[in-house]
Amino acid sequence: MEKGSSIAHTPKRSRNGVYIFVLNGELKVNDETIGRRDGMGIRKLTGELKIGALSNAEFLMMDVPMQLS
């Protein structure tokens, strides 16, 4: 992701959460800033997740089930 760009993500299912791991760079995830080798798990999302690149960044984002039932 290039510095200054942003994306929004809505989980595929209402019971899903999101894990983000930053490989390089720095991101703003909603109101939190995370950098290289930082990880973040978000269990209960209300609405969409906003991700902005504070520097050129590479990250892995996984949309995963958080409840088994």
N, C-alpha and C. Protein backbone atom coordinates (compact mmCIF):
# COMPACT_ATOMS: atom_id res chain seq x y z
N MET A 1 0.83 -1.15 0.00
CA MET A 1 0.00 0.00 0.00
C MET A 1 0.90 1.24 0.00
N GLU A 2 0.57 2.18 -0.84
CA GLU A 2 1.41 3.38 -0.93
C GLU A 2 1.03 4.40 0.13
N LYS A 3 2.02 5.14 0.60
CA LYS A 3 1.80 6.18 1.61
C LYS A 3 0.66 7.10 1.18
N GLY A 4 -0.25 7.36 2.10
CA GLY A 4 -1.37 8.25 1.83
C GLY A 4 -2.61 7.57 1.29
N SER A 5 -2.50 6.31 0.87
CA SER A 5 -3.68 5.61 0.35
C SER A 5 -4.44 4.96 1.51
N SER A 6 -5.69 4.61 1.24
CA SER A 6 -6.51 3.98 2.28
C SER A 6 -7.50 3.01 1.66
N ILE A 7 -7.95 2.09 2.50
CA ILE A 7 -8.98 1.12 2.09
C ILE A 7 -9.97 0.96 3.24
N ALA A 8 -11.12 0.42 2.92
CA ALA A 8 -12.11 0.08 3.94
C ALA A 8 -12.45 -1.39 3.74
N HIS A 9 -12.70 -2.09 4.84
CA HIS A 9 -13.01 -3.52 4.77
C HIS A 9 -14.19 -3.82 5.69
N THR A 10 -15.15 -4.55 5.17
CA THR A 10 -16.27 -5.05 5.95
C THR A 10 -16.14 -6.57 5.97
N PRO A 11 -16.15 -7.20 7.14
CA PRO A 11 -16.01 -8.66 7.20
C PRO A 11 -17.06 -9.36 6.33
N LYS A 12 -16.67 -10.51 5.80
CA LYS A 12 -17.54 -11.27 4.91
C LYS A 12 -18.80 -11.79 5.61
N ARG A 13 -18.69 -12.09 6.90
CA ARG A 13 -19.82 -12.57 7.70
C ARG A 13 -19.90 -11.77 8.99
N SER A 14 -21.09 -11.66 9.54
CA SER A 14 -21.28 -10.85 10.75
C SER A 14 -20.51 -11.40 11.95
N ARG A 15 -20.21 -12.68 11.98
CA ARG A 15 -19.47 -13.27 13.10
C ARG A 15 -17.96 -13.26 12.90
N ASN A 16 -17.49 -12.73 11.80
CA ASN A 16 -16.06 -12.70 11.51
C ASN A 16 -15.38 -11.52 12.17
N GLY A 17 -14.11 -11.69 12.41
CA GLY A 17 -13.23 -10.63 12.88
C GLY A 17 -12.06 -10.52 11.90
N VAL A 18 -11.12 -9.67 12.22
CA VAL A 18 -9.99 -9.42 11.32
C VAL A 18 -8.69 -9.45 12.11
N TYR A 19 -7.68 -10.10 11.54
CA TYR A 19 -6.31 -10.05 12.06
C TYR A 19 -5.46 -9.30 11.03
N ILE A 20 -4.63 -8.41 11.51
CA ILE A 20 -3.73 -7.66 10.63
C ILE A 20 -2.31 -7.81 11.18
N PHE A 21 -1.36 -8.10 10.29
CA PHE A 21 0.05 -8.17 10.65
C PHE A 21 0.83 -7.31 9.66
N VAL A 22 1.58 -6.34 10.18
CA VAL A 22 2.35 -5.43 9.34
C VAL A 22 3.73 -6.02 9.07
N LEU A 23 4.04 -6.24 7.82
CA LEU A 23 5.36 -6.74 7.43
C LEU A 23 6.37 -5.60 7.37
N ASN A 24 5.97 -4.51 6.74
CA ASN A 24 6.82 -3.33 6.61
C ASN A 24 5.94 -2.08 6.59
N GLY A 25 6.47 -0.99 7.12
CA GLY A 25 5.76 0.28 7.07
C GLY A 25 4.93 0.55 8.31
N GLU A 26 4.01 1.48 8.17
CA GLU A 26 3.17 1.90 9.28
C GLU A 26 1.75 2.16 8.78
N LEU A 27 0.78 1.66 9.54
CA LEU A 27 -0.63 1.79 9.19
C LEU A 27 -1.41 2.48 10.30
N LYS A 28 -2.49 3.12 9.90
CA LYS A 28 -3.48 3.59 10.87
C LYS A 28 -4.70 2.70 10.64
N VAL A 29 -5.08 1.95 11.67
CA VAL A 29 -6.22 1.04 11.61
C VAL A 29 -7.28 1.62 12.54
N ASN A 30 -8.35 2.14 11.93
CA ASN A 30 -9.33 2.93 12.66
C ASN A 30 -8.58 4.02 13.42
N ASP A 31 -8.49 3.98 14.73
CA ASP A 31 -7.81 5.04 15.49
C ASP A 31 -6.46 4.60 16.06
N GLU A 32 -6.00 3.41 15.69
CA GLU A 32 -4.75 2.88 16.23
C GLU A 32 -3.66 2.90 15.16
N THR A 33 -2.44 3.22 15.58
CA THR A 33 -1.29 3.18 14.68
C THR A 33 -0.49 1.92 14.99
N ILE A 34 -0.17 1.15 13.95
CA ILE A 34 0.66 -0.05 14.12
C ILE A 34 1.77 -0.02 13.08
N GLY A 35 2.92 -0.56 13.47
CA GLY A 35 4.09 -0.50 12.61
C GLY A 35 4.66 -1.88 12.32
N ARG A 36 5.84 -1.86 11.74
CA ARG A 36 6.53 -3.07 11.31
C ARG A 36 6.55 -4.12 12.43
N ARG A 37 6.15 -5.32 12.09
CA ARG A 37 6.12 -6.49 12.96
C ARG A 37 5.07 -6.40 14.07
N ASP A 38 4.15 -5.43 13.97
CA ASP A 38 3.03 -5.36 14.91
C ASP A 38 1.85 -6.15 14.36
N GLY A 39 1.07 -6.70 15.25
CA GLY A 39 -0.15 -7.41 14.87
C GLY A 39 -1.33 -6.86 15.63
N MET A 40 -2.52 -7.06 15.08
CA MET A 40 -3.73 -6.57 15.72
C MET A 40 -4.87 -7.52 15.38
N GLY A 41 -5.66 -7.85 16.38
CA GLY A 41 -6.86 -8.65 16.17
C GLY A 41 -8.07 -7.84 16.57
N ILE A 42 -9.08 -7.82 15.74
CA ILE A 42 -10.30 -7.09 16.03
C ILE A 42 -11.45 -8.08 16.00
N ARG A 43 -12.07 -8.28 17.14
CA ARG A 43 -13.10 -9.30 17.27
C ARG A 43 -14.49 -8.80 16.90
N LYS A 44 -14.88 -7.71 17.47
CA LYS A 44 -16.24 -7.20 17.24
C LYS A 44 -16.17 -5.91 16.43
N LEU A 45 -16.50 -6.02 15.16
CA LEU A 45 -16.50 -4.85 14.29
C LEU A 45 -17.92 -4.32 14.15
N THR A 46 -18.06 -3.05 14.30
CA THR A 46 -19.34 -2.42 14.02
C THR A 46 -19.09 -1.51 12.82
N GLY A 47 -19.60 -1.90 11.68
CA GLY A 47 -19.32 -1.16 10.46
C GLY A 47 -18.05 -1.63 9.80
N GLU A 48 -17.44 -0.74 9.03
CA GLU A 48 -16.25 -1.14 8.29
C GLU A 48 -14.97 -0.74 8.99
N LEU A 49 -13.92 -1.47 8.67
CA LEU A 49 -12.59 -1.22 9.19
C LEU A 49 -11.89 -0.29 8.21
N LYS A 50 -11.29 0.77 8.72
CA LYS A 50 -10.58 1.73 7.86
C LYS A 50 -9.09 1.59 8.08
N ILE A 51 -8.36 1.40 6.97
CA ILE A 51 -6.92 1.22 7.03
C ILE A 51 -6.26 2.26 6.13
N GLY A 52 -5.35 3.04 6.70
CA GLY A 52 -4.62 4.04 5.93
C GLY A 52 -3.13 3.82 6.07
N ALA A 53 -2.39 4.06 5.00
CA ALA A 53 -0.93 3.89 5.01
C ALA A 53 -0.26 5.19 5.42
N LEU A 54 0.44 5.19 6.56
CA LEU A 54 1.19 6.36 7.01
C LEU A 54 2.56 6.42 6.34
N SER A 55 2.99 5.28 5.81
CA SER A 55 4.20 5.17 4.99
C SER A 55 3.92 4.05 4.00
N ASN A 56 4.81 3.84 3.04
CA ASN A 56 4.62 2.67 2.17
C ASN A 56 4.59 1.44 3.07
N ALA A 57 3.61 0.57 2.85
CA ALA A 57 3.43 -0.54 3.80
C ALA A 57 3.05 -1.83 3.09
N GLU A 58 3.49 -2.92 3.68
CA GLU A 58 3.07 -4.27 3.28
C GLU A 58 2.47 -4.91 4.51
N PHE A 59 1.30 -5.53 4.36
CA PHE A 59 0.64 -6.15 5.51
C PHE A 59 -0.19 -7.33 5.05
N LEU A 60 -0.50 -8.18 5.99
CA LEU A 60 -1.34 -9.34 5.78
C LEU A 60 -2.62 -9.12 6.58
N MET A 61 -3.77 -9.27 5.93
CA MET A 61 -5.04 -9.12 6.62
C MET A 61 -5.86 -10.38 6.40
N MET A 62 -6.37 -10.94 7.51
CA MET A 62 -7.17 -12.16 7.43
C MET A 62 -8.55 -11.91 8.02
N ASP A 63 -9.57 -12.23 7.27
CA ASP A 63 -10.97 -12.13 7.70
C ASP A 63 -11.36 -13.54 8.13
N VAL A 64 -11.52 -13.74 9.46
CA VAL A 64 -11.69 -15.10 9.99
C VAL A 64 -12.88 -15.20 10.93
N PRO A 65 -13.50 -16.41 11.02
CA PRO A 65 -14.59 -16.60 11.96
C PRO A 65 -14.09 -16.45 13.41
N MET A 66 -14.86 -15.77 14.23
CA MET A 66 -14.50 -15.58 15.62
C MET A 66 -15.40 -16.38 16.56
N GLN A 67 -16.51 -16.88 16.06
CA GLN A 67 -17.42 -17.69 16.86
C GLN A 67 -17.67 -19.00 16.13
N LEU A 68 -17.60 -20.09 16.83
CA LEU A 68 -17.78 -21.40 16.21
C LEU A 68 -19.24 -21.80 16.07
N SER A 69 -20.11 -21.28 16.91
CA SER A 69 -21.52 -21.69 16.84
C SER A 69 -22.32 -20.81 15.93
